[in-house]
């Protein structure tokens, strides 16, 4: 079993910009959302800062933070 290497740290003297931290999106129970893969849905469950349970009509999916591809309507 191999471990993935730790991410490289940014040196303050580097001429390159530090990588930007991803913005954390905030959703609440009952919010209508749009997902790139699953389409339109409604949030039916919240795990604080970890994941959201979303009902997309034909399926229920657990979307993990940072909620890439999901936007609030």
N, C-alpha and C. Protein backbone atom coordinates (compact mmCIF):
# COMPACT_ATOMS: atom_id res chain seq x y z
N UNK A 1 0.84 -1.16 0.00
CA UNK A 1 0.00 0.00 0.00
C UNK A 1 0.90 1.24 0.00
N UNK A 2 0.71 2.11 -0.97
CA UNK A 2 1.52 3.31 -1.05
C UNK A 2 0.71 4.52 -0.65
N UNK A 3 1.38 5.45 0.00
CA UNK A 3 0.72 6.69 0.40
C UNK A 3 1.01 7.75 -0.65
N UNK A 4 0.04 8.64 -0.85
CA UNK A 4 0.28 9.73 -1.79
C UNK A 4 1.20 10.75 -1.12
N UNK A 5 2.05 11.39 -1.90
CA UNK A 5 2.98 12.34 -1.30
C UNK A 5 2.23 13.56 -0.76
N UNK A 6 2.82 14.17 0.24
CA UNK A 6 2.23 15.38 0.82
C UNK A 6 2.31 16.51 -0.20
N UNK A 7 1.32 17.41 -0.20
CA UNK A 7 1.38 18.51 -1.16
C UNK A 7 2.58 19.41 -0.87
N UNK A 8 3.14 19.95 -1.92
CA UNK A 8 4.30 20.82 -1.75
C UNK A 8 3.87 22.13 -1.11
N UNK A 9 4.69 22.63 -0.21
CA UNK A 9 4.36 23.89 0.45
C UNK A 9 4.89 25.04 -0.40
N UNK A 10 4.27 26.18 -0.25
CA UNK A 10 4.66 27.37 -1.00
C UNK A 10 5.68 28.16 -0.20
N UNK A 11 6.81 28.44 -0.81
CA UNK A 11 7.84 29.23 -0.14
C UNK A 11 7.54 30.72 -0.29
N UNK A 12 7.72 31.50 0.77
CA UNK A 12 7.41 32.94 0.68
C UNK A 12 8.29 33.68 -0.31
N UNK A 13 9.46 33.16 -0.61
CA UNK A 13 10.36 33.83 -1.55
C UNK A 13 10.14 33.39 -3.00
N UNK A 14 9.17 32.53 -3.24
CA UNK A 14 8.91 32.03 -4.58
C UNK A 14 8.33 33.13 -5.47
N UNK A 15 8.76 33.19 -6.74
CA UNK A 15 8.21 34.19 -7.66
C UNK A 15 6.81 33.81 -8.17
N UNK A 16 6.35 32.62 -7.85
CA UNK A 16 5.05 32.15 -8.31
C UNK A 16 4.00 32.36 -7.23
N UNK A 17 2.77 32.53 -7.63
CA UNK A 17 1.68 32.72 -6.67
C UNK A 17 1.38 31.42 -5.94
N UNK A 18 0.94 31.58 -4.71
CA UNK A 18 0.53 30.42 -3.93
C UNK A 18 -0.79 29.91 -4.51
N UNK A 19 -1.01 28.60 -4.50
CA UNK A 19 -2.29 28.08 -5.00
C UNK A 19 -3.43 28.59 -4.13
N UNK A 20 -4.51 28.94 -4.78
CA UNK A 20 -5.67 29.49 -4.07
C UNK A 20 -6.43 28.36 -3.38
N UNK A 21 -6.89 28.62 -2.16
CA UNK A 21 -7.71 27.65 -1.45
C UNK A 21 -9.10 27.64 -2.07
N UNK A 22 -9.70 26.46 -2.25
CA UNK A 22 -11.04 26.41 -2.84
C UNK A 22 -12.05 27.07 -1.90
N UNK A 23 -12.99 27.81 -2.49
CA UNK A 23 -14.03 28.44 -1.70
C UNK A 23 -15.02 27.38 -1.22
N UNK A 24 -15.38 27.47 0.04
CA UNK A 24 -16.33 26.52 0.60
C UNK A 24 -17.73 27.06 0.37
N UNK A 25 -18.56 26.28 -0.29
CA UNK A 25 -19.93 26.70 -0.56
C UNK A 25 -20.80 26.30 0.62
N UNK A 26 -21.78 27.14 0.94
CA UNK A 26 -22.67 26.88 2.06
C UNK A 26 -24.08 26.59 1.54
N UNK A 27 -24.63 25.47 1.97
CA UNK A 27 -25.97 25.08 1.59
C UNK A 27 -26.76 24.77 2.86
N UNK A 28 -28.07 24.91 2.78
CA UNK A 28 -28.93 24.64 3.92
C UNK A 28 -29.98 23.60 3.52
N UNK A 29 -30.58 23.00 4.52
CA UNK A 29 -31.63 22.01 4.30
C UNK A 29 -32.77 22.65 3.52
N UNK A 30 -33.19 22.00 2.45
CA UNK A 30 -34.30 22.49 1.64
C UNK A 30 -33.89 23.35 0.46
N UNK A 31 -32.61 23.70 0.33
CA UNK A 31 -32.15 24.51 -0.80
C UNK A 31 -32.30 23.73 -2.10
N UNK A 32 -32.69 24.46 -3.15
CA UNK A 32 -32.72 23.88 -4.49
C UNK A 32 -31.33 24.05 -5.09
N UNK A 33 -30.81 23.01 -5.72
CA UNK A 33 -29.46 23.04 -6.27
C UNK A 33 -29.43 22.49 -7.69
N UNK A 34 -28.38 22.83 -8.39
CA UNK A 34 -28.11 22.30 -9.71
C UNK A 34 -26.75 21.63 -9.67
N UNK A 35 -26.66 20.40 -10.16
CA UNK A 35 -25.40 19.66 -10.17
C UNK A 35 -25.03 19.37 -11.61
N UNK A 36 -23.74 19.46 -11.92
CA UNK A 36 -23.28 19.25 -13.29
C UNK A 36 -23.62 17.87 -13.83
N UNK A 37 -23.54 16.84 -13.02
CA UNK A 37 -23.77 15.48 -13.48
C UNK A 37 -25.21 15.01 -13.27
N UNK A 38 -25.80 15.34 -12.10
CA UNK A 38 -27.11 14.79 -11.73
C UNK A 38 -28.29 15.69 -12.07
N UNK A 39 -28.08 16.98 -12.31
CA UNK A 39 -29.16 17.88 -12.68
C UNK A 39 -29.72 18.64 -11.48
N UNK A 40 -31.05 18.89 -11.53
CA UNK A 40 -31.71 19.67 -10.48
C UNK A 40 -32.08 18.79 -9.31
N UNK A 41 -31.97 19.35 -8.10
CA UNK A 41 -32.30 18.59 -6.91
C UNK A 41 -32.59 19.48 -5.72
N UNK A 42 -32.92 18.84 -4.60
CA UNK A 42 -33.20 19.55 -3.35
C UNK A 42 -32.42 18.87 -2.23
N UNK A 43 -31.81 19.67 -1.35
CA UNK A 43 -31.03 19.12 -0.24
C UNK A 43 -31.99 18.58 0.82
N UNK A 44 -31.81 17.29 1.15
CA UNK A 44 -32.69 16.66 2.14
C UNK A 44 -31.94 16.22 3.39
N UNK A 45 -30.61 16.33 3.37
CA UNK A 45 -29.82 15.96 4.54
C UNK A 45 -28.52 16.73 4.58
N UNK A 46 -28.09 17.06 5.80
CA UNK A 46 -26.86 17.84 5.97
C UNK A 46 -25.95 17.16 6.97
N UNK A 47 -24.69 16.94 6.58
CA UNK A 47 -23.65 16.50 7.50
C UNK A 47 -22.69 17.67 7.61
N UNK A 48 -22.66 18.33 8.75
CA UNK A 48 -21.94 19.59 8.95
C UNK A 48 -20.55 19.60 8.34
N UNK A 49 -20.39 20.37 7.25
CA UNK A 49 -19.09 20.56 6.62
C UNK A 49 -18.51 19.34 5.93
N UNK A 50 -19.23 18.23 5.92
CA UNK A 50 -18.69 17.00 5.34
C UNK A 50 -19.38 16.65 4.03
N UNK A 51 -20.71 16.59 4.03
CA UNK A 51 -21.44 16.16 2.85
C UNK A 51 -22.89 16.62 2.91
N UNK A 52 -23.56 16.55 1.76
CA UNK A 52 -24.98 16.86 1.64
C UNK A 52 -25.67 15.67 0.97
N UNK A 53 -26.86 15.35 1.46
CA UNK A 53 -27.67 14.34 0.81
C UNK A 53 -28.68 15.08 -0.05
N UNK A 54 -28.65 14.81 -1.36
CA UNK A 54 -29.46 15.56 -2.31
C UNK A 54 -30.39 14.61 -3.04
N UNK A 55 -31.67 15.00 -3.12
CA UNK A 55 -32.68 14.23 -3.85
C UNK A 55 -32.80 14.82 -5.26
N UNK A 56 -32.41 14.03 -6.26
CA UNK A 56 -32.46 14.46 -7.65
C UNK A 56 -33.67 13.88 -8.37
N UNK A 57 -34.66 13.42 -7.65
CA UNK A 57 -35.85 12.85 -8.27
C UNK A 57 -35.69 11.35 -8.45
N UNK A 58 -34.92 10.94 -9.43
CA UNK A 58 -34.75 9.52 -9.71
C UNK A 58 -33.68 8.87 -8.83
N UNK A 59 -32.85 9.68 -8.17
CA UNK A 59 -31.84 9.12 -7.29
C UNK A 59 -31.50 10.09 -6.17
N UNK A 60 -30.99 9.55 -5.09
CA UNK A 60 -30.49 10.35 -3.99
C UNK A 60 -28.98 10.15 -3.94
N UNK A 61 -28.25 11.26 -3.88
CA UNK A 61 -26.80 11.19 -3.91
C UNK A 61 -26.21 11.94 -2.73
N UNK A 62 -25.10 11.42 -2.22
CA UNK A 62 -24.36 12.07 -1.15
C UNK A 62 -23.20 12.81 -1.82
N UNK A 63 -23.28 14.15 -1.79
CA UNK A 63 -22.28 14.99 -2.42
C UNK A 63 -21.31 15.46 -1.33
N UNK A 64 -20.02 15.18 -1.52
CA UNK A 64 -19.00 15.45 -0.51
C UNK A 64 -18.42 16.85 -0.72
N UNK A 65 -18.07 17.51 0.40
CA UNK A 65 -17.46 18.83 0.37
C UNK A 65 -16.16 18.77 -0.41
N UNK A 66 -15.80 19.71 -1.21
CA UNK A 66 -16.21 21.10 -1.38
C UNK A 66 -17.33 21.30 -2.40
N UNK A 67 -18.13 20.29 -2.65
CA UNK A 67 -19.33 20.39 -3.49
C UNK A 67 -19.01 20.88 -4.90
N UNK A 68 -18.00 20.30 -5.52
CA UNK A 68 -17.63 20.68 -6.88
C UNK A 68 -18.77 20.36 -7.84
N UNK A 69 -19.07 21.30 -8.69
CA UNK A 69 -20.12 21.09 -9.69
C UNK A 69 -21.52 21.31 -9.18
N UNK A 70 -21.69 21.76 -7.93
CA UNK A 70 -23.03 21.98 -7.39
C UNK A 70 -23.19 23.46 -7.06
N UNK A 71 -24.28 24.04 -7.51
CA UNK A 71 -24.57 25.46 -7.29
C UNK A 71 -25.97 25.63 -6.74
N UNK A 72 -26.14 26.65 -5.89
CA UNK A 72 -27.45 26.96 -5.32
C UNK A 72 -28.27 27.71 -6.34
N UNK A 73 -29.55 27.39 -6.42
CA UNK A 73 -30.45 28.10 -7.35
C UNK A 73 -31.17 29.22 -6.63
